[in-house]
Amino acid sequence: MIWMTADSVKSASEERLTLRGQMADLALVPGWIEYLAAEYAIPAKTQYAMNLCLEEVLSNIIRHGYANTPDRPILIRYKAVQENSSLLVIDDEAPPFDPLAAEEIPVEQTLDGTRVGGLGLRLLRSFSTSLDYERTPAGNRLSIGFSSAP
């Protein structure tokens, strides 16, 4: 298996970036998003949302899904769906986990210290236009939609 790090793969219909399941690889994502922004005229606001959502999802895959197995792959695909609409699709090989079925913890419980975490799903819903989960034969697939409309 060939690991891609600093380079992305471009095909006629999508862009791809493959990471290893380790936190250090998260540093490669902002540069890839900058490349996508330049290539597809993605506005700064959408670029920010993509970075934020990817950081949340990828760090959870690495910390929880791939706990202590740093060389497992994470494939990120970018698809320009329509003129002002795009999709990030994240595939992993972690045990089944549907983040959309997870309990959304009230903000008050995280702010008052009674619960740690639990705001990731709220963040994803706030910064994206669509979320879709599916179980794959190899693991999990999360699709995150973004709008670049003015």
C-alpha atoms as a PDB file:
ATOM      1  CA  MET A   1       0.000   0.000   0.000  1.00  0.00           C
ATOM      2  CA  ILE A   2       1.349   3.411  -0.893  1.00  0.00           C
ATOM      3  CA  TRP A   3       0.794   6.193   1.612  1.00  0.00           C
ATOM      4  CA  MET A   4       0.316   9.671   0.321  1.00  0.00           C
ATOM      5  CA  THR A   5       1.317  12.492   2.522  1.00  0.00           C
ATOM      6  CA  ALA A   6       2.057  15.897   1.117  1.00  0.00           C
ATOM      7  CA  ASP A   7       0.624  15.197  -2.328  1.00  0.00           C
ATOM      8  CA  SER A   8      -2.944  14.704  -3.390  1.00  0.00           C
ATOM      9  CA  VAL A   9      -4.240  12.609  -6.259  1.00  0.00           C
ATOM     10  CA  LYS A  10      -6.392  14.291  -8.872  1.00  0.00           C
ATOM     11  CA  SER A  11      -8.806  12.433 -11.092  1.00  0.00           C
ATOM     12  CA  ALA A  12     -11.372  13.788 -13.514  1.00  0.00           C
ATOM     13  CA  SER A  13     -14.100  13.855 -10.891  1.00  0.00           C
ATOM     14  CA  GLU A  14     -12.439  14.168  -7.505  1.00  0.00           C
ATOM     15  CA  GLU A  15      -9.348  14.954  -5.464  1.00  0.00           C
ATOM     16  CA  ARG A  16      -7.950  12.531  -2.878  1.00  0.00           C
ATOM     17  CA  LEU A  17      -5.697  12.690   0.127  1.00  0.00           C
ATOM     18  CA  THR A  18      -4.708   9.594   2.088  1.00  0.00           C
ATOM     19  CA  LEU A  19      -3.467   9.997   5.641  1.00  0.00           C
ATOM     20  CA  ARG A  20      -2.082   7.595   8.192  1.00  0.00           C
ATOM     21  CA  GLY A  21      -4.028   7.341  11.422  1.00  0.00           C
ATOM     22  CA  GLN A  22      -1.717   9.568  13.429  1.00  0.00           C
ATOM     23  CA  MET A  23      -2.155  13.092  14.727  1.00  0.00           C
ATOM     24  CA  ALA A  24       0.980  14.350  12.947  1.00  0.00           C
ATOM     25  CA  ASP A  25      -0.730  13.764   9.583  1.00  0.00           C
ATOM     26  CA  LEU A  26      -3.425  16.304  10.464  1.00  0.00           C
ATOM     27  CA  ALA A  27      -0.847  18.981   9.650  1.00  0.00           C
ATOM     28  CA  LEU A  28      -1.175  17.999   5.962  1.00  0.00           C
ATOM     29  CA  VAL A  29      -4.866  18.869   5.744  1.00  0.00           C
ATOM     30  CA  PRO A  30      -4.731  22.708   5.723  1.00  0.00           C
ATOM     31  CA  GLY A  31      -2.304  22.744   2.784  1.00  0.00           C
ATOM     32  CA  TRP A  32      -4.514  20.327   0.856  1.00  0.00           C
ATOM     33  CA  ILE A  33      -7.570  22.493   1.563  1.00  0.00           C
ATOM     34  CA  GLU A  34      -5.611  25.565   0.361  1.00  0.00           C
ATOM     35  CA  TYR A  35      -4.799  23.703  -2.850  1.00  0.00           C
ATOM     36  CA  LEU A  36      -8.491  22.808  -3.306  1.00  0.00           C
ATOM     37  CA  ALA A  37      -9.502  26.400  -2.622  1.00  0.00           C
ATOM     38  CA  ALA A  38      -7.161  27.676  -5.336  1.00  0.00           C
ATOM     39  CA  GLU A  39      -8.120  24.942  -7.812  1.00  0.00           C
ATOM     40  CA  TYR A  40     -11.901  25.188  -7.313  1.00  0.00           C
ATOM     41  CA  ALA A  41     -12.342  28.840  -6.238  1.00  0.00           C
ATOM     42  CA  ILE A  42     -13.526  27.890  -2.753  1.00  0.00           C
ATOM     43  CA  PRO A  43     -14.170  31.033  -0.681  1.00  0.00           C
ATOM     44  CA  ALA A  44     -12.282  31.592   2.574  1.00  0.00           C
ATOM     45  CA  LYS A  45     -15.407  31.042   4.700  1.00  0.00           C
ATOM     46  CA  THR A  46     -16.009  27.601   3.155  1.00  0.00           C
ATOM     47  CA  GLN A  47     -12.317  26.762   3.366  1.00  0.00           C
ATOM     48  CA  TYR A  48     -12.417  27.559   7.100  1.00  0.00           C
ATOM     49  CA  ALA A  49     -15.495  25.338   7.574  1.00  0.00           C
ATOM     50  CA  MET A  50     -13.832  22.462   5.701  1.00  0.00           C
ATOM     51  CA  ASN A  51     -10.679  22.702   7.813  1.00  0.00           C
ATOM     52  CA  LEU A  52     -12.639  22.835  11.062  1.00  0.00           C
ATOM     53  CA  CYS A  53     -14.901  19.899  10.194  1.00  0.00           C
ATOM     54  CA  LEU A  54     -12.016  17.763   8.950  1.00  0.00           C
ATOM     55  CA  GLU A  55      -9.966  18.450  12.064  1.00  0.00           C
ATOM     56  CA  GLU A  56     -12.882  17.355  14.247  1.00  0.00           C
ATOM     57  CA  VAL A  57     -13.671  14.197  12.284  1.00  0.00           C
ATOM     58  CA  LEU A  58     -10.076  13.107  11.670  1.00  0.00           C
ATOM     59  CA  SER A  59      -8.953  13.641  15.255  1.00  0.00           C
ATOM     60  CA  ASN A  60     -11.891  11.518  16.460  1.00  0.00           C
ATOM     61  CA  ILE A  61     -11.054   8.738  14.000  1.00  0.00           C
ATOM     62  CA  ILE A  62      -7.415   8.768  15.113  1.00  0.00           C
ATOM     63  CA  ARG A  63      -8.086   9.006  18.862  1.00  0.00           C
ATOM     64  CA  HIS A  64     -11.122   6.778  19.180  1.00  0.00           C
ATOM     65  CA  GLY A  65     -11.525   4.651  16.058  1.00  0.00           C
ATOM     66  CA  TYR A  66      -7.835   3.880  15.556  1.00  0.00           C
ATOM     67  CA  ALA A  67      -6.724   3.975  19.189  1.00  0.00           C
ATOM     68  CA  ASN A  68      -3.064   2.904  19.285  1.00  0.00           C
ATOM     69  CA  THR A  69      -2.932   1.762  15.639  1.00  0.00           C
ATOM     70  CA  PRO A  70      -1.231   4.738  13.932  1.00  0.00           C
ATOM     71  CA  ASP A  71      -0.652   3.350  10.441  1.00  0.00           C
ATOM     72  CA  ARG A  72      -4.266   2.678   9.474  1.00  0.00           C
ATOM     73  CA  PRO A  73      -5.426   4.651   6.417  1.00  0.00           C
ATOM     74  CA  ILE A  74      -7.899   7.495   6.248  1.00  0.00           C
ATOM     75  CA  LEU A  75      -8.993   8.478   2.757  1.00  0.00           C
ATOM     76  CA  ILE A  76     -10.416  11.953   2.180  1.00  0.00           C
ATOM     77  CA  ARG A  77     -12.081  12.734  -1.134  1.00  0.00           C
ATOM     78  CA  TYR A  78     -13.192  16.128  -2.382  1.00  0.00           C
ATOM     79  CA  LYS A  79     -15.967  16.288  -4.958  1.00  0.00           C
ATOM     80  CA  ALA A  80     -17.299  19.432  -6.612  1.00  0.00           C
ATOM     81  CA  VAL A  81     -20.964  18.443  -6.762  1.00  0.00           C
ATOM     82  CA  GLN A  82     -22.529  21.534  -8.346  1.00  0.00           C
ATOM     83  CA  GLU A  83     -21.445  25.083  -9.051  1.00  0.00           C
ATOM     84  CA  ASN A  84     -21.552  26.261  -5.432  1.00  0.00           C
ATOM     85  CA  SER A  85     -21.656  22.923  -3.677  1.00  0.00           C
ATOM     86  CA  SER A  86     -18.955  20.455  -2.677  1.00  0.00           C
ATOM     87  CA  LEU A  87     -18.538  17.308  -0.658  1.00  0.00           C
ATOM     88  CA  LEU A  88     -15.808  15.897   1.552  1.00  0.00           C
ATOM     89  CA  VAL A  89     -16.022  12.125   1.937  1.00  0.00           C
ATOM     90  CA  ILE A  90     -13.976  10.488   4.694  1.00  0.00           C
ATOM     91  CA  ASP A  91     -13.404   6.714   4.675  1.00  0.00           C
ATOM     92  CA  ASP A  92     -11.761   4.856   7.544  1.00  0.00           C
ATOM     93  CA  GLU A  93     -11.203   1.247   8.619  1.00  0.00           C
ATOM     94  CA  ALA A  94     -12.274   1.762  12.228  1.00  0.00           C
ATOM     95  CA  PRO A  95     -14.935  -0.295  14.019  1.00  0.00           C
ATOM     96  CA  PRO A  96     -18.504   0.723  13.113  1.00  0.00           C
ATOM     97  CA  PHE A  97     -19.493   4.114  14.497  1.00  0.00           C
ATOM     98  CA  ASP A  98     -22.317   6.301  13.237  1.00  0.00           C
ATOM     99  CA  PRO A  99     -21.620   9.793  14.585  1.00  0.00           C
ATOM    100  CA  LEU A 100     -25.032  10.958  13.400  1.00  0.00           C
ATOM    101  CA  ALA A 101     -26.738   8.442  15.681  1.00  0.00           C
ATOM    102  CA  ALA A 102     -24.678   9.522  18.703  1.00  0.00           C
ATOM    103  CA  GLU A 103     -26.383  11.445  21.459  1.00  0.00           C
ATOM    104  CA  GLU A 104     -26.068  15.197  21.086  1.00  0.00           C
ATOM    105  CA  ILE A 105     -25.050  16.457  24.511  1.00  0.00           C
ATOM    106  CA  PRO A 106     -26.634  19.718  25.692  1.00  0.00           C
ATOM    107  CA  VAL A 107     -24.134  22.592  25.599  1.00  0.00           C
ATOM    108  CA  GLU A 108     -24.854  23.390  29.244  1.00  0.00           C
ATOM    109  CA  GLN A 109     -23.454  20.017  30.348  1.00  0.00           C
ATOM    110  CA  THR A 110     -20.171  20.633  28.587  1.00  0.00           C
ATOM    111  CA  LEU A 111     -19.838  24.227  29.729  1.00  0.00           C
ATOM    112  CA  ASP A 112     -20.568  23.516  33.385  1.00  0.00           C
ATOM    113  CA  GLY A 113     -18.037  20.685  33.422  1.00  0.00           C
ATOM    114  CA  THR A 114     -20.421  17.772  33.967  1.00  0.00           C
ATOM    115  CA  ARG A 115     -19.503  16.286  30.538  1.00  0.00           C
ATOM    116  CA  VAL A 116     -16.293  16.395  28.533  1.00  0.00           C
ATOM    117  CA  GLY A 117     -16.567  16.619  24.769  1.00  0.00           C
ATOM    118  CA  GLY A 118     -19.771  16.016  22.894  1.00  0.00           C
ATOM    119  CA  LEU A 119     -19.775  19.220  20.848  1.00  0.00           C
ATOM    120  CA  GLY A 120     -18.300  17.735  17.673  1.00  0.00           C
ATOM    121  CA  LEU A 121     -21.611  16.811  16.073  1.00  0.00           C
ATOM    122  CA  ARG A 122     -23.008  20.259  16.864  1.00  0.00           C
ATOM    123  CA  LEU A 123     -19.917  21.804  15.238  1.00  0.00           C
ATOM    124  CA  LEU A 124     -20.316  19.651  12.101  1.00  0.00           C
ATOM    125  CA  ARG A 125     -23.985  20.558  11.781  1.00  0.00           C
ATOM    126  CA  SER A 126     -23.201  24.256  12.238  1.00  0.00           C
ATOM    127  CA  PHE A 127     -20.480  24.457   9.579  1.00  0.00           C
ATOM    128  CA  SER A 128     -21.806  22.077   6.915  1.00  0.00           C
ATOM    129  CA  THR A 129     -24.911  21.911   4.742  1.00  0.00           C
ATOM    130  CA  SER A 130     -25.313  18.143   4.873  1.00  0.00           C
ATOM    131  CA  LEU A 131     -24.050  15.099   6.757  1.00  0.00           C
ATOM    132  CA  ASP A 132     -24.425  11.478   5.732  1.00  0.00           C
ATOM    133  CA  TYR A 133     -23.043   8.298   7.278  1.00  0.00           C
ATOM    134  CA  GLU A 134     -22.796   4.814   5.852  1.00  0.00           C
ATOM    135  CA  ARG A 135     -21.124   1.636   6.991  1.00  0.00           C
ATOM    136  CA  THR A 136     -18.776   0.221   4.358  1.00  0.00           C
ATOM    137  CA  PRO A 137     -17.328  -3.311   4.106  1.00  0.00           C
ATOM    138  CA  ALA A 138     -13.973  -1.901   5.278  1.00  0.00           C
ATOM    139  CA  GLY A 139     -15.187   0.591   7.903  1.00  0.00           C
ATOM    140  CA  ASN A 140     -17.046   3.885   7.954  1.00  0.00           C
ATOM    141  CA  ARG A 141     -17.846   6.636   5.454  1.00  0.00           C
ATOM    142  CA  LEU A 142     -18.869  10.144   6.466  1.00  0.00           C
ATOM    143  CA  SER A 143     -19.875  12.645   3.783  1.00  0.00           C
ATOM    144  CA  ILE A 144     -19.905  16.336   4.669  1.00  0.00           C
ATOM    145  CA  GLY A 145     -21.512  18.820   2.285  1.00  0.00           C
ATOM    146  CA  PHE A 146     -20.570  22.487   1.948  1.00  0.00           C
ATOM    147  CA  SER A 147     -22.077  25.407   0.118  1.00  0.00           C
ATOM    148  CA  SER A 148     -19.930  28.143  -1.393  1.00  0.00           C
ATOM    149  CA  ALA A 149     -22.892  30.276  -2.412  1.00  0.00           C
ATOM    150  CA  PRO A 150     -22.515  33.987  -1.628  1.00  0.00           C
END
